[in-house]
C-alpha atoms as a PDB file:
ATOM      1  CA  MET A   1       0.000   0.000   0.000  1.00  0.00           C
ATOM      2  CA  THR A   2       1.411   3.359  -0.972  1.00  0.00           C
ATOM      3  CA  ASN A   3       1.191   6.597   0.952  1.00  0.00           C
ATOM      4  CA  PRO A   4       1.478   9.287  -1.734  1.00  0.00           C
ATOM      5  CA  TYR A   5       0.801  12.147   0.700  1.00  0.00           C
ATOM      6  CA  GLN A   6       3.017  11.014   3.577  1.00  0.00           C
ATOM      7  CA  ASN A   7       5.493  13.869   3.224  1.00  0.00           C
ATOM      8  CA  THR A   8       2.898  16.621   2.941  1.00  0.00           C
ATOM      9  CA  GLU A   9       2.623  19.288   5.607  1.00  0.00           C
ATOM     10  CA  THR A  10      -1.017  18.273   6.045  1.00  0.00           C
ATOM     11  CA  ALA A  11      -0.136  14.688   7.003  1.00  0.00           C
ATOM     12  CA  LYS A  12       2.613  15.918   9.332  1.00  0.00           C
ATOM     13  CA  LEU A  13       0.243  18.364  11.040  1.00  0.00           C
ATOM     14  CA  ILE A  14      -2.443  15.709  11.527  1.00  0.00           C
ATOM     15  CA  ALA A  15       0.032  13.199  12.946  1.00  0.00           C
ATOM     16  CA  GLY A  16       1.409  15.816  15.318  1.00  0.00           C
ATOM     17  CA  ARG A  17      -1.995  16.967  16.524  1.00  0.00           C
ATOM     18  CA  ILE A  18      -3.182  13.390  17.103  1.00  0.00           C
ATOM     19  CA  ARG A  19      -0.047  12.823  19.178  1.00  0.00           C
ATOM     20  CA  ASP A  20      -0.462  16.114  21.067  1.00  0.00           C
ATOM     21  CA  LEU A  21      -4.129  15.442  21.853  1.00  0.00           C
ATOM     22  CA  SER A  22      -3.675  11.774  22.780  1.00  0.00           C
ATOM     23  CA  HIS A  23      -3.798  12.529  26.499  1.00  0.00           C
ATOM     24  CA  ARG A  24      -7.332  13.932  26.094  1.00  0.00           C
ATOM     25  CA  LYS A  25      -8.964  12.119  23.190  1.00  0.00           C
ATOM     26  CA  THR A  26      -8.470   9.035  21.112  1.00  0.00           C
ATOM     27  CA  GLN A  27      -7.909   8.930  17.398  1.00  0.00           C
ATOM     28  CA  ALA A  28     -11.382   7.359  17.079  1.00  0.00           C
ATOM     29  CA  GLU A  29     -12.891  10.317  18.961  1.00  0.00           C
ATOM     30  CA  ILE A  30     -11.105  12.755  16.667  1.00  0.00           C
ATOM     31  CA  ALA A  31     -12.404  10.866  13.630  1.00  0.00           C
ATOM     32  CA  SER A  32     -15.939  10.939  15.009  1.00  0.00           C
ATOM     33  CA  GLU A  33     -15.747  14.665  15.804  1.00  0.00           C
ATOM     34  CA  ALA A  34     -14.513  15.286  12.258  1.00  0.00           C
ATOM     35  CA  GLY A  35     -17.477  13.377  10.846  1.00  0.00           C
ATOM     36  CA  PHE A  36     -15.643  10.316   9.578  1.00  0.00           C
ATOM     37  CA  ALA A  37     -17.667   7.103   9.934  1.00  0.00           C
ATOM     38  CA  ASN A  38     -14.503   5.006   9.834  1.00  0.00           C
ATOM     39  CA  ALA A  39     -11.992   5.688  12.623  1.00  0.00           C
ATOM     40  CA  ASN A  40      -9.245   4.297  10.368  1.00  0.00           C
ATOM     41  CA  MET A  41      -9.563   7.419   8.235  1.00  0.00           C
ATOM     42  CA  MET A  42      -7.404   9.302  10.744  1.00  0.00           C
ATOM     43  CA  THR A  43      -4.659   6.695  10.283  1.00  0.00           C
ATOM     44  CA  PHE A  44      -4.948   7.079   6.505  1.00  0.00           C
ATOM     45  CA  LEU A  45      -4.722  10.875   6.784  1.00  0.00           C
ATOM     46  CA  LYS A  46      -1.802  10.988   9.202  1.00  0.00           C
ATOM     47  CA  ASN A  47       0.153   8.372   7.244  1.00  0.00           C
ATOM     48  CA  GLY A  48      -0.527  10.140   3.959  1.00  0.00           C
ATOM     49  CA  ARG A  49      -2.480   7.330   2.342  1.00  0.00           C
ATOM     50  CA  ASN A  50      -5.444   9.646   1.712  1.00  0.00           C
ATOM     51  CA  LYS A  51      -5.846  13.357   1.095  1.00  0.00           C
ATOM     52  CA  VAL A  52      -7.995  15.405   3.443  1.00  0.00           C
ATOM     53  CA  PRO A  53     -11.375  15.971   1.776  1.00  0.00           C
ATOM     54  CA  LEU A  54     -11.796  19.742   1.406  1.00  0.00           C
ATOM     55  CA  ASP A  55     -15.351  19.612   2.748  1.00  0.00           C
ATOM     56  CA  ARG A  56     -14.039  18.078   5.993  1.00  0.00           C
ATOM     57  CA  VAL A  57     -11.563  20.856   6.763  1.00  0.00           C
ATOM     58  CA  PRO A  58     -13.847  22.808   9.135  1.00  0.00           C
ATOM     59  CA  SER A  59     -14.859  19.791  11.228  1.00  0.00           C
ATOM     60  CA  LEU A  60     -11.390  18.242  11.130  1.00  0.00           C
ATOM     61  CA  ALA A  61      -9.798  21.531  12.221  1.00  0.00           C
ATOM     62  CA  LYS A  62     -12.197  21.719  15.143  1.00  0.00           C
ATOM     63  CA  ALA A  63     -11.514  18.097  16.125  1.00  0.00           C
ATOM     64  CA  LEU A  64      -7.738  18.638  15.873  1.00  0.00           C
ATOM     65  CA  GLU A  65      -8.001  22.026  17.626  1.00  0.00           C
ATOM     66  CA  VAL A  66      -6.216  23.919  14.864  1.00  0.00           C
ATOM     67  CA  ASP A  67      -7.198  27.029  12.980  1.00  0.00           C
ATOM     68  CA  PRO A  68      -9.370  26.059   9.988  1.00  0.00           C
ATOM     69  CA  ALA A  69      -7.737  28.631   7.694  1.00  0.00           C
ATOM     70  CA  TYR A  70      -4.314  27.127   8.425  1.00  0.00           C
ATOM     71  CA  LEU A  71      -5.552  23.596   7.778  1.00  0.00           C
ATOM     72  CA  MET A  72      -7.266  24.762   4.574  1.00  0.00           C
ATOM     73  CA  ARG A  73      -4.028  26.276   3.252  1.00  0.00           C
ATOM     74  CA  LEU A  74      -2.174  23.026   3.849  1.00  0.00           C
ATOM     75  CA  THR A  75      -5.037  20.922   2.510  1.00  0.00           C
ATOM     76  CA  LEU A  76      -5.298  22.949  -0.691  1.00  0.00           C
ATOM     77  CA  ASP A  77      -1.639  22.236  -1.456  1.00  0.00           C
ATOM     78  CA  GLN A  78      -2.217  18.555  -0.766  1.00  0.00           C
ATOM     79  CA  ALA A  79      -5.478  18.392  -2.716  1.00  0.00           C
ATOM     80  CA  VAL A  80      -4.589  20.211  -5.919  1.00  0.00           C
ATOM     81  CA  GLY A  81      -0.825  20.750  -5.798  1.00  0.00           C
ATOM     82  CA  ALA A  82       1.163  23.853  -4.966  1.00  0.00           C
ATOM     83  CA  THR A  83       0.737  25.513  -8.369  1.00  0.00           C
ATOM     84  CA  ALA A  84      -3.058  25.151  -8.456  1.00  0.00           C
ATOM     85  CA  ALA A  85      -3.308  26.117  -4.769  1.00  0.00           C
ATOM     86  CA  LYS A  86      -1.345  29.273  -5.566  1.00  0.00           C
ATOM     87  CA  ALA A  87      -3.760  30.079  -8.411  1.00  0.00           C
ATOM     88  CA  ILE A  88      -6.748  29.570  -6.101  1.00  0.00           C
ATOM     89  CA  THR A  89      -5.339  31.857  -3.428  1.00  0.00           C
ATOM     90  CA  GLU A  90      -4.378  34.485  -6.026  1.00  0.00           C
ATOM     91  CA  ILE A  91      -8.005  34.595  -7.134  1.00  0.00           C
ATOM     92  CA  PHE A  92      -9.810  34.191  -3.809  1.00  0.00           C
ATOM     93  CA  GLY A  93      -7.154  35.400  -1.368  1.00  0.00           C
ATOM     94  CA  THR A  94      -5.187  33.364   1.103  1.00  0.00           C
ATOM     95  CA  PRO A  95      -7.081  32.067   4.126  1.00  0.00           C
ATOM     96  CA  ALA A  96      -5.889  34.032   7.155  1.00  0.00           C
ATOM     97  CA  THR A  97      -5.727  32.386  10.562  1.00  0.00           C
ATOM     98  CA  GLU A  98      -7.133  33.995  13.686  1.00  0.00           C
ATOM     99  CA  ASN A  99      -3.572  34.732  14.796  1.00  0.00           C
ATOM    100  CA  GLU A 100      -2.747  36.373  11.471  1.00  0.00           C
ATOM    101  CA  ARG A 101      -5.915  38.471  11.666  1.00  0.00           C
ATOM    102  CA  GLY A 102      -4.705  39.583  15.119  1.00  0.00           C
ATOM    103  CA  TRP A 103      -1.410  40.779  13.616  1.00  0.00           C
ATOM    104  CA  LEU A 104      -3.278  42.639  10.882  1.00  0.00           C
ATOM    105  CA  SER A 105      -5.566  44.280  13.413  1.00  0.00           C
ATOM    106  CA  GLU A 106      -2.581  45.408  15.468  1.00  0.00           C
ATOM    107  CA  ILE A 107      -0.808  46.812  12.389  1.00  0.00           C
ATOM    108  CA  ARG A 108      -3.935  48.768  11.499  1.00  0.00           C
ATOM    109  CA  ASP A 109      -4.268  50.089  15.040  1.00  0.00           C
ATOM    110  CA  ALA A 110      -0.571  50.948  15.412  1.00  0.00           C
ATOM    111  CA  SER A 111      -0.579  52.787  12.074  1.00  0.00           C
ATOM    112  CA  ASP A 112      -3.856  54.633  12.747  1.00  0.00           C
ATOM    113  CA  ASN A 113      -5.273  52.825   9.700  1.00  0.00           C
ATOM    114  CA  THR A 114      -2.926  54.650   7.334  1.00  0.00           C
ATOM    115  CA  ASP A 115      -2.278  51.598   5.122  1.00  0.00           C
ATOM    116  CA  PRO A 116       1.481  51.565   5.710  1.00  0.00           C
ATOM    117  CA  ARG A 117       3.676  50.262   2.908  1.00  0.00           C
ATOM    118  CA  LEU A 118       5.959  47.336   3.740  1.00  0.00           C
ATOM    119  CA  THR A 119       9.392  48.908   3.435  1.00  0.00           C
ATOM    120  CA  ALA A 120      12.758  47.187   3.531  1.00  0.00           C
ATOM    121  CA  ARG A 121      13.224  48.507   7.073  1.00  0.00           C
ATOM    122  CA  SER A 122       9.821  47.320   8.336  1.00  0.00           C
ATOM    123  CA  ARG A 123      10.320  43.938   6.635  1.00  0.00           C
ATOM    124  CA  ALA A 124      13.732  43.571   8.313  1.00  0.00           C
ATOM    125  CA  MET A 125      12.249  44.480  11.701  1.00  0.00           C
ATOM    126  CA  LEU A 126       9.423  42.018  11.292  1.00  0.00           C
ATOM    127  CA  ARG A 127      11.763  39.239  10.212  1.00  0.00           C
ATOM    128  CA  GLY A 128      13.953  40.076  13.217  1.00  0.00           C
ATOM    129  CA  ILE A 129      11.037  39.275  15.527  1.00  0.00           C
ATOM    130  CA  PHE A 130      11.091  35.736  14.114  1.00  0.00           C
ATOM    131  CA  GLY A 131      14.872  35.418  14.057  1.00  0.00           C
ATOM    132  CA  LYS A 132      15.153  35.469  10.268  1.00  0.00           C
END
């Protein structure tokens, strides 16, 4: 049996969240919360045997306790490939996580809603926050 999606960020995230949540809920409980009739589906997803169905992203994100926009970004890459996912986000916009929306809100507040341009200096300062 092959696992064509085993090295995707989606599979890695799912495996990590299942591990992180294991002290509070079983893999079968996560599968049930996500709306999967078969508890083995979580094994297939975390091992990369199956892709995450796009229509399951909201319920799966809730069951895994991750931001649905983040999971959708990863799932789009897995579902349609990086090039097509890029085209989709160019047309519809990239899904922003709650944390990212918090950053945007703070930028707007700190700049008095002046729509500041991202300069080389501000980019360097921002990257410095993340050690880049």
